[in-house]
Amino acid sequence: MRIKGIIICIFPVLAVLGCKEAPYVFPPENDFEYQVTGTSSRANITYQDLRGNYVELTNVTLPWSFQTHYFDNMVGITPVYLEAQSLDAGTTVTVTINAKRAPIIGSPKTSAGDSGFAIVYGTLP
């Protein structure tokens, strides 16, 4: 009777653990990337994450990039934003937003700043 009680207790636990959903796999066309390059070796960077929060990074070594994915229901309504300010006098920065699906809707996807400042923004395609 004791073995039967153990089996009765273990079976519900195994049933629950075995019923997990597979993780969501993003289609490759939903990949996008923020990039900052240029003649500067360091920059302050601000970008907007997919929740709409602005993330500020200081004294970042260039080149810098950040890759992420988005859900299909975010297309056309989710803003994207990237700016960089060079920390080296007389140098440039280039900011780029690359989306595999299509070009970012809004400003040009690449902005180069001879003054050491560049910005690009728009909406996910």
PDB file of N, CA and C in Angstrom:
ATOM      1  N   MET A   1       0.814  -1.191   0.000  1.00  0.00           N
ATOM      2  CA  MET A   1       0.000   0.000   0.000  1.00  0.00           C
ATOM      3  C   MET A   1       0.861   1.260   0.000  1.00  0.00           C
ATOM      4  N   ARG A   2       2.021   1.203   0.616  1.00  0.00           N
ATOM      5  CA  ARG A   2       2.902   2.355   0.684  1.00  0.00           C
ATOM      6  C   ARG A   2       3.406   2.754  -0.704  1.00  0.00           C
ATOM      7  N   ILE A   3       3.764   1.795  -1.555  1.00  0.00           N
ATOM      8  CA  ILE A   3       4.222   2.080  -2.917  1.00  0.00           C
ATOM      9  C   ILE A   3       3.102   2.714  -3.721  1.00  0.00           C
ATOM     10  N   LYS A   4       1.895   2.241  -3.554  1.00  0.00           N
ATOM     11  CA  LYS A   4       0.757   2.817  -4.268  1.00  0.00           C
ATOM     12  C   LYS A   4       0.568   4.282  -3.870  1.00  0.00           C
ATOM     13  N   GLY A   5       0.753   4.606  -2.604  1.00  0.00           N
ATOM     14  CA  GLY A   5       0.628   5.987  -2.132  1.00  0.00           C
ATOM     15  C   GLY A   5       1.710   6.887  -2.708  1.00  0.00           C
ATOM     16  N   ILE A   6       2.920   6.357  -2.842  1.00  0.00           N
ATOM     17  CA  ILE A   6       4.025   7.127  -3.422  1.00  0.00           C
ATOM     18  C   ILE A   6       3.743   7.413  -4.896  1.00  0.00           C
ATOM     19  N   ILE A   7       3.268   6.411  -5.614  1.00  0.00           N
ATOM     20  CA  ILE A   7       2.951   6.591  -7.033  1.00  0.00           C
ATOM     21  C   ILE A   7       1.841   7.611  -7.197  1.00  0.00           C
ATOM     22  N   ILE A   8       0.834   7.546  -6.359  1.00  0.00           N
ATOM     23  CA  ILE A   8      -0.271   8.506  -6.433  1.00  0.00           C
ATOM     24  C   ILE A   8       0.231   9.924  -6.166  1.00  0.00           C
ATOM     25  N   CYS A   9       1.195  10.102  -5.292  1.00  0.00           N
ATOM     26  CA  CYS A   9       1.747  11.430  -4.992  1.00  0.00           C
ATOM     27  C   CYS A   9       2.676  11.928  -6.093  1.00  0.00           C
ATOM     28  N   ILE A  10       3.443  11.037  -6.709  1.00  0.00           N
ATOM     29  CA  ILE A  10       4.415  11.440  -7.711  1.00  0.00           C
ATOM     30  C   ILE A  10       3.752  11.696  -9.064  1.00  0.00           C
ATOM     31  N   PHE A  11       2.737  10.923  -9.432  1.00  0.00           N
ATOM     32  CA  PHE A  11       2.128  11.048 -10.754  1.00  0.00           C
ATOM     33  C   PHE A  11       1.624  12.461 -11.051  1.00  0.00           C
ATOM     34  N   PRO A  12       0.897  13.144 -10.149  1.00  0.00           N
ATOM     35  CA  PRO A  12       0.458  14.512 -10.472  1.00  0.00           C
ATOM     36  C   PRO A  12       1.630  15.475 -10.683  1.00  0.00           C
ATOM     37  N   VAL A  13       2.707  15.303  -9.925  1.00  0.00           N
ATOM     38  CA  VAL A  13       3.879  16.165 -10.074  1.00  0.00           C
ATOM     39  C   VAL A  13       4.503  15.945 -11.446  1.00  0.00           C
ATOM     40  N   LEU A  14       4.678  14.726 -11.874  1.00  0.00           N
ATOM     41  CA  LEU A  14       5.241  14.427 -13.188  1.00  0.00           C
ATOM     42  C   LEU A  14       4.336  14.924 -14.307  1.00  0.00           C
ATOM     43  N   ALA A  15       3.036  14.811 -14.114  1.00  0.00           N
ATOM     44  CA  ALA A  15       2.089  15.278 -15.134  1.00  0.00           C
ATOM     45  C   ALA A  15       2.201  16.783 -15.325  1.00  0.00           C
ATOM     46  N   VAL A  16       2.337  17.530 -14.236  1.00  0.00           N
ATOM     47  CA  VAL A  16       2.456  18.986 -14.327  1.00  0.00           C
ATOM     48  C   VAL A  16       3.782  19.384 -14.952  1.00  0.00           C
ATOM     49  N   LEU A  17       4.866  18.751 -14.547  1.00  0.00           N
ATOM     50  CA  LEU A  17       6.181  19.077 -15.086  1.00  0.00           C
ATOM     51  C   LEU A  17       6.301  18.719 -16.565  1.00  0.00           C
ATOM     52  N   GLY A  18       5.618  17.700 -16.997  1.00  0.00           N
ATOM     53  CA  GLY A  18       5.702  17.278 -18.378  1.00  0.00           C
ATOM     54  C   GLY A  18       4.817  18.055 -19.331  1.00  0.00           C
ATOM     55  N   CYS A  19       4.023  18.992 -18.846  1.00  0.00           N
ATOM     56  CA  CYS A  19       3.056  19.714 -19.675  1.00  0.00           C
ATOM     57  C   CYS A  19       3.489  21.139 -19.988  1.00  0.00           C
ATOM     58  N   LYS A  20       4.755  21.408 -19.926  1.00  0.00           N
ATOM     59  CA  LYS A  20       5.218  22.766 -20.218  1.00  0.00           C
ATOM     60  C   LYS A  20       5.130  23.041 -21.712  1.00  0.00           C
ATOM     61  N   GLU A  21       4.798  24.287 -22.051  1.00  0.00           N
ATOM     62  CA  GLU A  21       4.782  24.689 -23.455  1.00  0.00           C
ATOM     63  C   GLU A  21       6.204  24.886 -23.943  1.00  0.00           C
ATOM     64  N   ALA A  22       6.390  24.625 -25.224  1.00  0.00           N
ATOM     65  CA  ALA A  22       7.695  24.891 -25.826  1.00  0.00           C
ATOM     66  C   ALA A  22       7.905  26.402 -25.867  1.00  0.00           C
ATOM     67  N   PRO A  23       9.137  26.894 -25.695  1.00  0.00           N
ATOM     68  CA  PRO A  23       9.377  28.340 -25.741  1.00  0.00           C
ATOM     69  C   PRO A  23       9.083  28.889 -27.130  1.00  0.00           C
ATOM     70  N   TYR A  24       8.645  30.148 -27.179  1.00  0.00           N
ATOM     71  CA  TYR A  24       8.353  30.803 -28.452  1.00  0.00           C
ATOM     72  C   TYR A  24       9.658  31.009 -29.219  1.00  0.00           C
ATOM     73  N   VAL A  25       9.657  30.651 -30.476  1.00  0.00           N
ATOM     74  CA  VAL A  25      10.827  30.846 -31.328  1.00  0.00           C
ATOM     75  C   VAL A  25      10.502  31.992 -32.284  1.00  0.00           C
ATOM     76  N   PHE A  26      11.278  33.062 -32.200  1.00  0.00           N
ATOM     77  CA  PHE A  26      11.056  34.212 -33.066  1.00  0.00           C
ATOM     78  C   PHE A  26      11.471  33.875 -34.491  1.00  0.00           C
ATOM     79  N   PRO A  27      10.638  34.225 -35.482  1.00  0.00           N
ATOM     80  CA  PRO A  27      11.083  34.045 -36.856  1.00  0.00           C
ATOM     81  C   PRO A  27      12.255  34.971 -37.145  1.00  0.00           C
ATOM     82  N   PRO A  28      13.205  34.549 -37.978  1.00  0.00           N
ATOM     83  CA  PRO A  28      14.400  35.363 -38.217  1.00  0.00           C
ATOM     84  C   PRO A  28      14.089  36.754 -38.773  1.00  0.00           C
ATOM     85  N   GLU A  29      12.976  36.902 -39.486  1.00  0.00           N
ATOM     86  CA  GLU A  29      12.652  38.226 -40.024  1.00  0.00           C
ATOM     87  C   GLU A  29      12.246  39.210 -38.930  1.00  0.00           C
ATOM     88  N   ASN A  30      12.057  38.741 -37.714  1.00  0.00           N
ATOM     89  CA  ASN A  30      11.717  39.625 -36.606  1.00  0.00           C
ATOM     90  C   ASN A  30      12.943  40.042 -35.801  1.00  0.00           C
ATOM     91  N   ASP A  31      14.121  39.800 -36.311  1.00  0.00           N
ATOM     92  CA  ASP A  31      15.351  40.259 -35.673  1.00  0.00           C
ATOM     93  C   ASP A  31      15.606  41.713 -36.053  1.00  0.00           C
ATOM     94  N   PHE A  32      16.119  42.475 -35.120  1.00  0.00           N
ATOM     95  CA  PHE A  32      16.632  43.793 -35.471  1.00  0.00           C
ATOM     96  C   PHE A  32      17.779  44.155 -34.551  1.00  0.00           C
ATOM     97  N   GLU A  33      18.546  45.149 -34.994  1.00  0.00           N
ATOM     98  CA  GLU A  33      19.797  45.460 -34.310  1.00  0.00           C
ATOM     99  C   GLU A  33      20.025  46.960 -34.280  1.00  0.00           C
ATOM    100  N   TYR A  34      20.478  47.432 -33.127  1.00  0.00           N
ATOM    101  CA  TYR A  34      20.993  48.790 -32.983  1.00  0.00           C
ATOM    102  C   TYR A  34      22.514  48.705 -33.135  1.00  0.00           C
ATOM    103  N   GLN A  35      23.113  49.657 -33.881  1.00  0.00           N
ATOM    104  CA  GLN A  35      24.567  49.688 -34.041  1.00  0.00           C
ATOM    105  C   GLN A  35      25.082  51.110 -33.906  1.00  0.00           C
ATOM    106  N   VAL A  36      26.238  51.251 -33.271  1.00  0.00           N
ATOM    107  CA  VAL A  36      26.938  52.537 -33.231  1.00  0.00           C
ATOM    108  C   VAL A  36      28.381  52.265 -33.634  1.00  0.00           C
ATOM    109  N   THR A  37      28.842  52.995 -34.656  1.00  0.00           N
ATOM    110  CA  THR A  37      30.218  52.888 -35.139  1.00  0.00           C
ATOM    111  C   THR A  37      30.740  54.308 -35.338  1.00  0.00           C
ATOM    112  N   GLY A  38      31.892  54.455 -35.926  1.00  0.00           N
ATOM    113  CA  GLY A  38      32.421  55.775 -36.248  1.00  0.00           C
ATOM    114  C   GLY A  38      33.910  55.863 -35.998  1.00  0.00           C
ATOM    115  N   THR A  39      34.425  57.097 -36.126  1.00  0.00           N
ATOM    116  CA  THR A  39      35.846  57.300 -35.886  1.00  0.00           C
ATOM    117  C   THR A  39      36.140  57.482 -34.400  1.00  0.00           C
ATOM    118  N   SER A  40      35.118  57.707 -33.609  1.00  0.00           N
ATOM    119  CA  SER A  40      35.278  57.829 -32.159  1.00  0.00           C
ATOM    120  C   SER A  40      35.528  56.454 -31.552  1.00  0.00           C
ATOM    121  N   SER A  41      36.288  56.415 -30.481  1.00  0.00           N
ATOM    122  CA  SER A  41      36.522  55.144 -29.799  1.00  0.00           C
ATOM    123  C   SER A  41      35.532  54.928 -28.656  1.00  0.00           C
ATOM    124  N   ARG A  42      34.864  56.028 -28.211  1.00  0.00           N
ATOM    125  CA  ARG A  42      33.921  55.943 -27.087  1.00  0.00           C
ATOM    126  C   ARG A  42      32.736  56.862 -27.345  1.00  0.00           C
ATOM    127  N   ALA A  43      31.587  56.487 -26.773  1.00  0.00           N
ATOM    128  CA  ALA A  43      30.399  57.325 -26.940  1.00  0.00           C
ATOM    129  C   ALA A  43      29.417  57.074 -25.809  1.00  0.00           C
ATOM    130  N   ASN A  44      28.558  58.064 -25.595  1.00  0.00           N
ATOM    131  CA  ASN A  44      27.378  57.872 -24.758  1.00  0.00           C
ATOM    132  C   ASN A  44      26.241  57.496 -25.695  1.00  0.00           C
ATOM    133  N   ILE A  45      25.467  56.462 -25.325  1.00  0.00           N
ATOM    134  CA  ILE A  45      24.431  55.917 -26.198  1.00  0.00           C
ATOM    135  C   ILE A  45      23.107  55.894 -25.456  1.00  0.00           C
ATOM    136  N   THR A  46      22.042  56.267 -26.161  1.00  0.00           N
ATOM    137  CA  THR A  46      20.684  56.140 -25.641  1.00  0.00           C
ATOM    138  C   THR A  46      19.868  55.387 -26.678  1.00  0.00           C
ATOM    139  N   TYR A  47      19.152  54.360 -26.232  1.00  0.00           N
ATOM    140  CA  TYR A  47      18.253  53.644 -27.133  1.00  0.00           C
ATOM    141  C   TYR A  47      16.945  53.339 -26.425  1.00  0.00           C
ATOM    142  N   GLN A  48      15.919  53.058 -27.212  1.00  0.00           N
ATOM    143  CA  GLN A  48      14.608  52.739 -26.659  1.00  0.00           C
ATOM    144  C   GLN A  48      14.407  51.231 -26.757  1.00  0.00           C
ATOM    145  N   ASP A  49      14.093  50.603 -25.608  1.00  0.00           N
ATOM    146  CA  ASP A  49      13.845  49.164 -25.644  1.00  0.00           C
ATOM    147  C   ASP A  49      12.410  48.911 -26.118  1.00  0.00           C
ATOM    148  N   LEU A  50      12.047  47.653 -26.271  1.00  0.00           N
ATOM    149  CA  LEU A  50      10.746  47.322 -26.850  1.00  0.00           C
ATOM    150  C   LEU A  50       9.573  47.568 -25.900  1.00  0.00           C
ATOM    151  N   ARG A  51       9.863  47.926 -24.670  1.00  0.00           N
ATOM    152  CA  ARG A  51       8.801  48.309 -23.727  1.00  0.00           C
ATOM    153  C   ARG A  51       8.603  49.822 -23.706  1.00  0.00           C
ATOM    154  N   GLY A  52       9.394  50.520 -24.509  1.00  0.00           N
ATOM    155  CA  GLY A  52       9.274  51.976 -24.577  1.00  0.00           C
ATOM    156  C   GLY A  52      10.171  52.714 -23.605  1.00  0.00           C
ATOM    157  N   ASN A  53      10.983  52.005 -22.846  1.00  0.00           N
ATOM    158  CA  ASN A  53      11.901  52.633 -21.890  1.00  0.00           C
ATOM    159  C   ASN A  53      13.166  53.091 -22.601  1.00  0.00           C
ATOM    160  N   TYR A  54      13.688  54.235 -22.176  1.00  0.00           N
ATOM    161  CA  TYR A  54      14.957  54.725 -22.711  1.00  0.00           C
ATOM    162  C   TYR A  54      16.088  54.180 -21.843  1.00  0.00           C
ATOM    163  N   VAL A  55      17.063  53.591 -22.487  1.00  0.00           N
ATOM    164  CA  VAL A  55      18.218  53.013 -21.810  1.00  0.00           C
ATOM    165  C   VAL A  55      19.420  53.886 -22.139  1.00  0.00           C
ATOM    166  N   GLU A  56      20.109  54.383 -21.104  1.00  0.00           N
ATOM    167  CA  GLU A  56      21.277  55.241 -21.297  1.00  0.00           C
ATOM    168  C   GLU A  56      22.540  54.492 -20.901  1.00  0.00           C
ATOM    169  N   LEU A  57      23.483  54.451 -21.821  1.00  0.00           N
ATOM    170  CA  LEU A  57      24.773  53.819 -21.581  1.00  0.00           C
ATOM    171  C   LEU A  57      25.852  54.887 -21.683  1.00  0.00           C
ATOM    172  N   THR A  58      26.798  54.893 -20.761  1.00  0.00           N
ATOM    173  CA  THR A  58      27.830  55.920 -20.771  1.00  0.00           C
ATOM    174  C   THR A  58      29.211  55.301 -21.001  1.00  0.00           C
ATOM    175  N   ASN A  59      30.048  56.070 -21.694  1.00  0.00           N
ATOM    176  CA  ASN A  59      31.437  55.698 -21.938  1.00  0.00           C
ATOM    177  C   ASN A  59      31.574  54.298 -22.550  1.00  0.00           C
ATOM    178  N   VAL A  60      30.794  54.060 -23.598  1.00  0.00           N
ATOM    179  CA  VAL A  60      30.767  52.759 -24.261  1.00  0.00           C
ATOM    180  C   VAL A  60      31.873  52.693 -25.312  1.00  0.00           C
ATOM    181  N   THR A  61      32.599  51.601 -25.347  1.00  0.00           N
ATOM    182  CA  THR A  61      33.625  51.381 -26.361  1.00  0.00           C
ATOM    183  C   THR A  61      32.951  51.048 -27.691  1.00  0.00           C
ATOM    184  N   LEU A  62      33.412  51.721 -28.756  1.00  0.00           N
ATOM    185  CA  LEU A  62      32.854  51.476 -30.088  1.00  0.00           C
ATOM    186  C   LEU A  62      33.769  50.541 -30.868  1.00  0.00           C
ATOM    187  N   PRO A  63      33.245  49.719 -31.776  1.00  0.00           N
ATOM    188  CA  PRO A  63      31.843  49.644 -32.180  1.00  0.00           C
ATOM    189  C   PRO A  63      30.997  48.940 -31.113  1.00  0.00           C
ATOM    190  N   TRP A  64      29.693  49.262 -31.123  1.00  0.00           N
ATOM    191  CA  TRP A  64      28.732  48.700 -30.176  1.00  0.00           C
ATOM    192  C   TRP A  64      27.511  48.245 -30.952  1.00  0.00           C
ATOM    193  N   SER A  65      26.904  47.145 -30.504  1.00  0.00           N
ATOM    194  CA  SER A  65      25.649  46.709 -31.111  1.00  0.00           C
ATOM    195  C   SER A  65      24.797  45.990 -30.069  1.00  0.00           C
ATOM    196  N   PHE A  66      23.503  45.975 -30.339  1.00  0.00           N
ATOM    197  CA  PHE A  66      22.531  45.306 -29.473  1.00  0.00           C
ATOM    198  C   PHE A  66      21.494  44.649 -30.378  1.00  0.00           C
ATOM    199  N   GLN A  67      21.376  43.334 -30.282  1.00  0.00           N
ATOM    200  CA  GLN A  67      20.415  42.598 -31.091  1.00  0.00           C
ATOM    201  C   GLN A  67      19.238  42.166 -30.230  1.00  0.00           C
ATOM    202  N   THR A  68      18.045  42.180 -30.828  1.00  0.00           N
ATOM    203  CA  THR A  68      16.854  41.712 -30.138  1.00  0.00           C
ATOM    204  C   THR A  68      15.829  41.244 -31.167  1.00  0.00           C
ATOM    205  N   HIS A  69      14.683  40.809 -30.690  1.00  0.00           N
ATOM    206  CA  HIS A  69      13.607  40.309 -31.540  1.00  0.00           C
ATOM    207  C   HIS A  69      12.313  41.004 -31.142  1.00  0.00           C
ATOM    208  N   TYR A  70      11.326  40.954 -32.013  1.00  0.00           N
ATOM    209  CA  TYR A  70      10.022  41.505 -31.671  1.00  0.00           C
ATOM    210  C   TYR A  70       8.911  40.589 -32.165  1.00  0.00           C
ATOM    211  N   PHE A  71       7.735  40.710 -31.530  1.00  0.00           N
ATOM    212  CA  PHE A  71       6.563  39.927 -31.899  1.00  0.00           C
ATOM    213  C   PHE A  71       5.865  40.567 -33.093  1.00  0.00           C
ATOM    214  N   ASP A  72       5.159  39.753 -33.874  1.00  0.00           N
ATOM    215  CA  ASP A  72       4.442  40.257 -35.051  1.00  0.00           C
ATOM    216  C   ASP A  72       3.455  41.366 -34.711  1.00  0.00           C
ATOM    217  N   ASN A  73       2.820  41.305 -33.534  1.00  0.00           N
ATOM    218  CA  ASN A  73       1.825  42.322 -33.178  1.00  0.00           C
ATOM    219  C   ASN A  73       2.452  43.670 -32.817  1.00  0.00           C
ATOM    220  N   MET A  74       3.775  43.772 -32.845  1.00  0.00           N
ATOM    221  CA  MET A  74       4.466  45.026 -32.548  1.00  0.00           C
ATOM    222  C   MET A  74       4.772  45.818 -33.821  1.00  0.00           C
ATOM    223  N   VAL A  75       4.562  45.212 -34.980  1.00  0.00           N
ATOM    224  CA  VAL A  75       4.895  45.828 -36.266  1.00  0.00           C
ATOM    225  C   VAL A  75       4.040  47.073 -36.497  1.00  0.00           C
ATOM    226  N   GLY A  76       4.697  48.150 -36.905  1.00  0.00           N
ATOM    227  CA  GLY A  76       3.997  49.383 -37.260  1.00  0.00           C
ATOM    228  C   GLY A  76       3.562  50.246 -36.098  1.00  0.00           C
ATOM    229  N   ILE A  77       3.692  49.759 -34.862  1.00  0.00           N
ATOM    230  CA  ILE A  77       3.238  50.556 -33.713  1.00  0.00           C
ATOM    231  C   ILE A  77       4.321  50.749 -32.651  1.00  0.00           C
ATOM    232  N   THR A  78       5.417  49.999 -32.747  1.00  0.00           N
ATOM    233  CA  THR A  78       6.451  50.063 -31.716  1.00  0.00           C
ATOM    234  C   THR A  78       7.560  51.019 -32.139  1.00  0.00           C
ATOM    235  N   PRO A  79       7.789  52.067 -31.349  1.00  0.00           N
ATOM    236  CA  PRO A  79       8.852  53.018 -31.706  1.00  0.00           C
ATOM    237  C   PRO A  79      10.232  52.447 -31.416  1.00  0.00           C
ATOM    238  N   VAL A  80      11.177  52.860 -32.240  1.00  0.00           N
ATOM    239  CA  VAL A  80      12.589  52.530 -32.021  1.00  0.00           C
ATOM    240  C   VAL A  80      13.377  53.834 -32.072  1.00  0.00           C
ATOM    241  N   TYR A  81      14.438  53.918 -31.275  1.00  0.00           N
ATOM    242  CA  TYR A  81      15.186  55.167 -31.140  1.00  0.00           C
ATOM    243  C   TYR A  81      16.609  54.831 -30.772  1.00  0.00           C
ATOM    244  N   LEU A  82      17.560  55.502 -31.407  1.00  0.00           N
ATOM    245  CA  LEU A  82      18.975  55.312 -31.092  1.00  0.00           C
ATOM    246  C   LEU A  82      19.712  56.621 -31.322  1.00  0.00           C
ATOM    247  N   GLU A  83      20.491  57.014 -30.347  1.00  0.00           N
ATOM    248  CA  GLU A  83      21.345  58.201 -30.495  1.00  0.00           C
ATOM    249  C   GLU A  83      22.694  57.919 -29.866  1.00  0.00           C
ATOM    250  N   ALA A  84      23.701  58.624 -30.361  1.00  0.00           N
ATOM    251  CA  ALA A  84      25.043  58.494 -29.798  1.00  0.00           C
ATOM    252  C   ALA A  84      25.743  59.839 -29.834  1.00  0.00           C
ATOM    253  N   GLN A  85      26.535  60.102 -28.804  1.00  0.00           N
ATOM    254  CA  GLN A  85      27.341  61.315 -28.698  1.00  0.00           C
ATOM    255  C   GLN A  85      28.783  60.884 -28.490  1.00  0.00           C
ATOM    256  N   SER A  86      29.658  61.306 -29.417  1.00  0.00           N
ATOM    257  CA  SER A  86      31.067  60.967 -29.326  1.00  0.00           C
ATOM    258  C   SER A  86      31.681  61.577 -28.063  1.00  0.00           C
ATOM    259  N   LEU A  87      32.610  60.855 -27.470  1.00  0.00           N
ATOM    260  CA  LEU A  87      33.336  61.374 -26.310  1.00  0.00           C
ATOM    261  C   LEU A  87      34.756  61.786 -26.672  1.00  0.00           C
ATOM    262  N   ASP A  88      35.132  61.614 -27.937  1.00  0.00           N
ATOM    263  CA  ASP A  88      36.462  61.997 -28.409  1.00  0.00           C
ATOM    264  C   ASP A  88      36.330  63.226 -29.302  1.00  0.00           C
ATOM    265  N   ALA A  89      37.057  64.283 -28.989  1.00  0.00           N
ATOM    266  CA  ALA A  89      36.972  65.530 -29.763  1.00  0.00           C
ATOM    267  C   ALA A  89      37.318  65.298 -31.230  1.00  0.00           C
ATOM    268  N   GLY A  90      36.544  65.930 -32.111  1.00  0.00           N
ATOM    269  CA  GLY A  90      36.823  65.899 -33.541  1.00  0.00           C
ATOM    270  C   GLY A  90      36.536  64.570 -34.219  1.00  0.00           C
ATOM    271  N   THR A  91      35.732  63.720 -33.603  1.00  0.00           N
ATOM    272  CA  THR A  91      35.434  62.417 -34.194  1.00  0.00           C
ATOM    273  C   THR A  91      33.954  62.315 -34.541  1.00  0.00           C
ATOM    274  N   THR A  92      33.590  61.264 -35.252  1.00  0.00           N
ATOM    275  CA  THR A  92      32.204  61.078 -35.679  1.00  0.00           C
ATOM    276  C   THR A  92      31.634  59.789 -35.102  1.00  0.00           C
ATOM    277  N   VAL A  93      30.315  59.737 -35.089  1.00  0.00           N
ATOM    278  CA  VAL A  93      29.602  58.511 -34.755  1.00  0.00           C
ATOM    279  C   VAL A  93      28.559  58.271 -35.838  1.00  0.00           C
ATOM    280  N   THR A  94      28.262  57.004 -36.072  1.00  0.00           N
ATOM    281  CA  THR A  94      27.196  56.610 -36.998  1.00  0.00           C
ATOM    282  C   THR A  94      26.268  55.672 -36.252  1.00  0.00           C
ATOM    283  N   VAL A  95      24.978  55.981 -36.271  1.00  0.00           N
ATOM    284  CA  VAL A  95      23.991  55.117 -35.623  1.00  0.00           C
ATOM    285  C   VAL A  95      23.137  54.477 -36.706  1.00  0.00           C
ATOM    286  N   THR A  96      22.849  53.202 -36.520  1.00  0.00           N
ATOM    287  CA  THR A  96      22.100  52.440 -37.508  1.00  0.00           C
ATOM    288  C   THR A  96      21.115  51.525 -36.803  1.00  0.00           C
ATOM    289  N   ILE A  97      19.921  51.429 -37.356  1.00  0.00           N
ATOM    290  CA  ILE A  97      18.948  50.433 -36.916  1.00  0.00           C
ATOM    291  C   ILE A  97      18.693  49.522 -38.104  1.00  0.00           C
ATOM    292  N   ASN A  98      19.026  48.260 -37.958  1.00  0.00           N
ATOM    293  CA  ASN A  98      18.822  47.275 -39.021  1.00  0.00           C
ATOM    294  C   ASN A  98      17.688  46.342 -38.632  1.00  0.00           C
ATOM    295  N   ALA A  99      16.680  46.252 -39.488  1.00  0.00           N
ATOM    296  CA  ALA A  99      15.595  45.293 -39.301  1.00  0.00           C
ATOM    297  C   ALA A  99      15.601  44.351 -40.494  1.00  0.00           C
ATOM    298  N   LYS A 100      15.535  43.053 -40.231  1.00  0.00           N
ATOM    299  CA  LYS A 100      15.585  42.089 -41.333  1.00  0.00           C
ATOM    300  C   LYS A 100      14.314  42.111 -42.167  1.00  0.00           C
ATOM    301  N   ARG A 101      13.160  42.401 -41.541  1.00  0.00           N
ATOM    302  CA  ARG A 101      11.880  42.349 -42.257  1.00  0.00           C
ATOM    303  C   ARG A 101      11.803  43.408 -43.340  1.00  0.00           C
ATOM    304  N   ALA A 102      12.143  44.636 -43.009  1.00  0.00           N
ATOM    305  CA  ALA A 102      12.040  45.761 -43.940  1.00  0.00           C
ATOM    306  C   ALA A 102      12.717  46.956 -43.279  1.00  0.00           C
ATOM    307  N   PRO A 103      12.949  48.045 -44.026  1.00  0.00           N
ATOM    308  CA  PRO A 103      13.540  49.236 -43.412  1.00  0.00           C
ATOM    309  C   PRO A 103      12.630  49.806 -42.314  1.00  0.00           C
ATOM    310  N   ILE A 104      13.260  50.426 -41.321  1.00  0.00           N
ATOM    311  CA  ILE A 104      12.526  51.086 -40.252  1.00  0.00           C
ATOM    312  C   ILE A 104      11.646  52.180 -40.857  1.00  0.00           C
ATOM    313  N   ILE A 105      10.414  52.275 -40.379  1.00  0.00           N
ATOM    314  CA  ILE A 105       9.491  53.312 -40.846  1.00  0.00           C
ATOM    315  C   ILE A 105       9.829  54.591 -40.091  1.00  0.00           C
ATOM    316  N   GLY A 106      10.146  55.667 -40.779  1.00  0.00           N
ATOM    317  CA  GLY A 106      10.476  56.931 -40.120  1.00  0.00           C
ATOM    318  C   GLY A 106      11.734  57.528 -40.701  1.00  0.00           C
ATOM    319  N   SER A 107      12.621  58.003 -39.828  1.00  0.00           N
ATOM    320  CA  SER A 107      13.851  58.635 -40.293  1.00  0.00           C
ATOM    321  C   SER A 107      14.739  57.606 -40.979  1.00  0.00           C
ATOM    322  N   PRO A 108      15.739  58.058 -41.719  1.00  0.00           N
ATOM    323  CA  PRO A 108      16.635  57.095 -42.369  1.00  0.00           C
ATOM    324  C   PRO A 108      17.218  56.129 -41.347  1.00  0.00           C
ATOM    325  N   LYS A 109      17.481  54.902 -41.777  1.00  0.00           N
ATOM    326  CA  LYS A 109      17.954  53.907 -40.817  1.00  0.00           C
ATOM    327  C   LYS A 109      19.379  54.173 -40.361  1.00  0.00           C
ATOM    328  N   THR A 110      20.119  55.000 -41.087  1.00  0.00           N
ATOM    329  CA  THR A 110      21.476  55.352 -40.693  1.00  0.00           C
ATOM    330  C   THR A 110      21.599  56.864 -40.612  1.00  0.00           C
ATOM    331  N   SER A 111      22.253  57.333 -39.565  1.00  0.00           N
ATOM    332  CA  SER A 111      22.500  58.763 -39.422  1.00  0.00           C
ATOM    333  C   SER A 111      23.939  58.932 -38.957  1.00  0.00           C
ATOM    334  N   ALA A 112      24.718  59.698 -39.695  1.00  0.00           N
ATOM    335  CA  ALA A 112      26.116  59.937 -39.338  1.00  0.00           C
ATOM    336  C   ALA A 112      26.256  61.376 -38.872  1.00  0.00           C
ATOM    337  N   GLY A 113      26.974  61.572 -37.790  1.00  0.00           N
ATOM    338  CA  GLY A 113      27.130  62.909 -37.246  1.00  0.00           C
ATOM    339  C   GLY A 113      28.565  63.375 -37.287  1.00  0.00           C
ATOM    340  N   ASP A 114      28.858  64.368 -38.134  1.00  0.00           N
ATOM    341  CA  ASP A 114      30.206  64.938 -38.168  1.00  0.00           C
ATOM    342  C   ASP A 114      30.499  65.745 -36.914  1.00  0.00           C
ATOM    343  N   SER A 115      29.445  66.194 -36.234  1.00  0.00           N
ATOM    344  CA  SER A 115      29.628  66.967 -35.006  1.00  0.00           C
ATOM    345  C   SER A 115      29.823  66.064 -33.798  1.00  0.00           C
ATOM    346  N   GLY A 116      29.852  64.756 -34.020  1.00  0.00           N
ATOM    347  CA  GLY A 116      29.999  63.833 -32.903  1.00  0.00           C
ATOM    348  C   GLY A 116      28.683  63.412 -32.308  1.00  0.00           C
ATOM    349  N   PHE A 117      27.560  63.747 -32.967  1.00  0.00           N
ATOM    350  CA  PHE A 117      26.240  63.374 -32.485  1.00  0.00           C
ATOM    351  C   PHE A 117      25.424  62.845 -33.649  1.00  0.00           C
ATOM    352  N   ALA A 118      24.712  61.740 -33.433  1.00  0.00           N
ATOM    353  CA  ALA A 118      23.841  61.196 -34.482  1.00  0.00           C
ATOM    354  C   ALA A 118      22.614  60.566 -33.824  1.00  0.00           C
ATOM    355  N   ILE A 119      21.498  60.590 -34.563  1.00  0.00           N
ATOM    356  CA  ILE A 119      20.235  60.077 -34.044  1.00  0.00           C
ATOM    357  C   ILE A 119      19.457  59.426 -35.183  1.00  0.00           C
ATOM    358  N   VAL A 120      18.765  58.349 -34.877  1.00  0.00           N
ATOM    359  CA  VAL A 120      17.863  57.711 -35.831  1.00  0.00           C
ATOM    360  C   VAL A 120      16.675  57.168 -35.032  1.00  0.00           C
ATOM    361  N   TYR A 121      15.482  57.267 -35.612  1.00  0.00           N
ATOM    362  CA  TYR A 121      14.276  56.808 -34.911  1.00  0.00           C
ATOM    363  C   TYR A 121      13.225  56.426 -35.923  1.00  0.00           C
ATOM    364  N   GLY A 122      12.206  55.775 -35.469  1.00  0.00           N
ATOM    365  CA  GLY A 122      11.113  55.377 -36.342  1.00  0.00           C
ATOM    366  C   GLY A 122      10.228  54.361 -35.668  1.00  0.00           C
ATOM    367  N   THR A 123       9.614  53.500 -36.492  1.00  0.00           N
ATOM    368  CA  THR A 123       8.696  52.462 -36.014  1.00  0.00           C
ATOM    369  C   THR A 123       9.110  51.144 -36.630  1.00  0.00           C
ATOM    370  N   LEU A 124       8.912  50.061 -35.872  1.00  0.00           N
ATOM    371  CA  LEU A 124       9.249  48.746 -36.418  1.00  0.00           C
ATOM    372  C   LEU A 124       8.469  48.483 -37.689  1.00  0.00           C
ATOM    373  N   PRO A 125       9.115  47.917 -38.706  1.00  0.00           N
ATOM    374  CA  PRO A 125       8.426  47.653 -39.974  1.00  0.00           C
ATOM    375  C   PRO A 125       7.532  46.424 -39.870  1.00  0.00           C
TER     376      PRO A 125
END
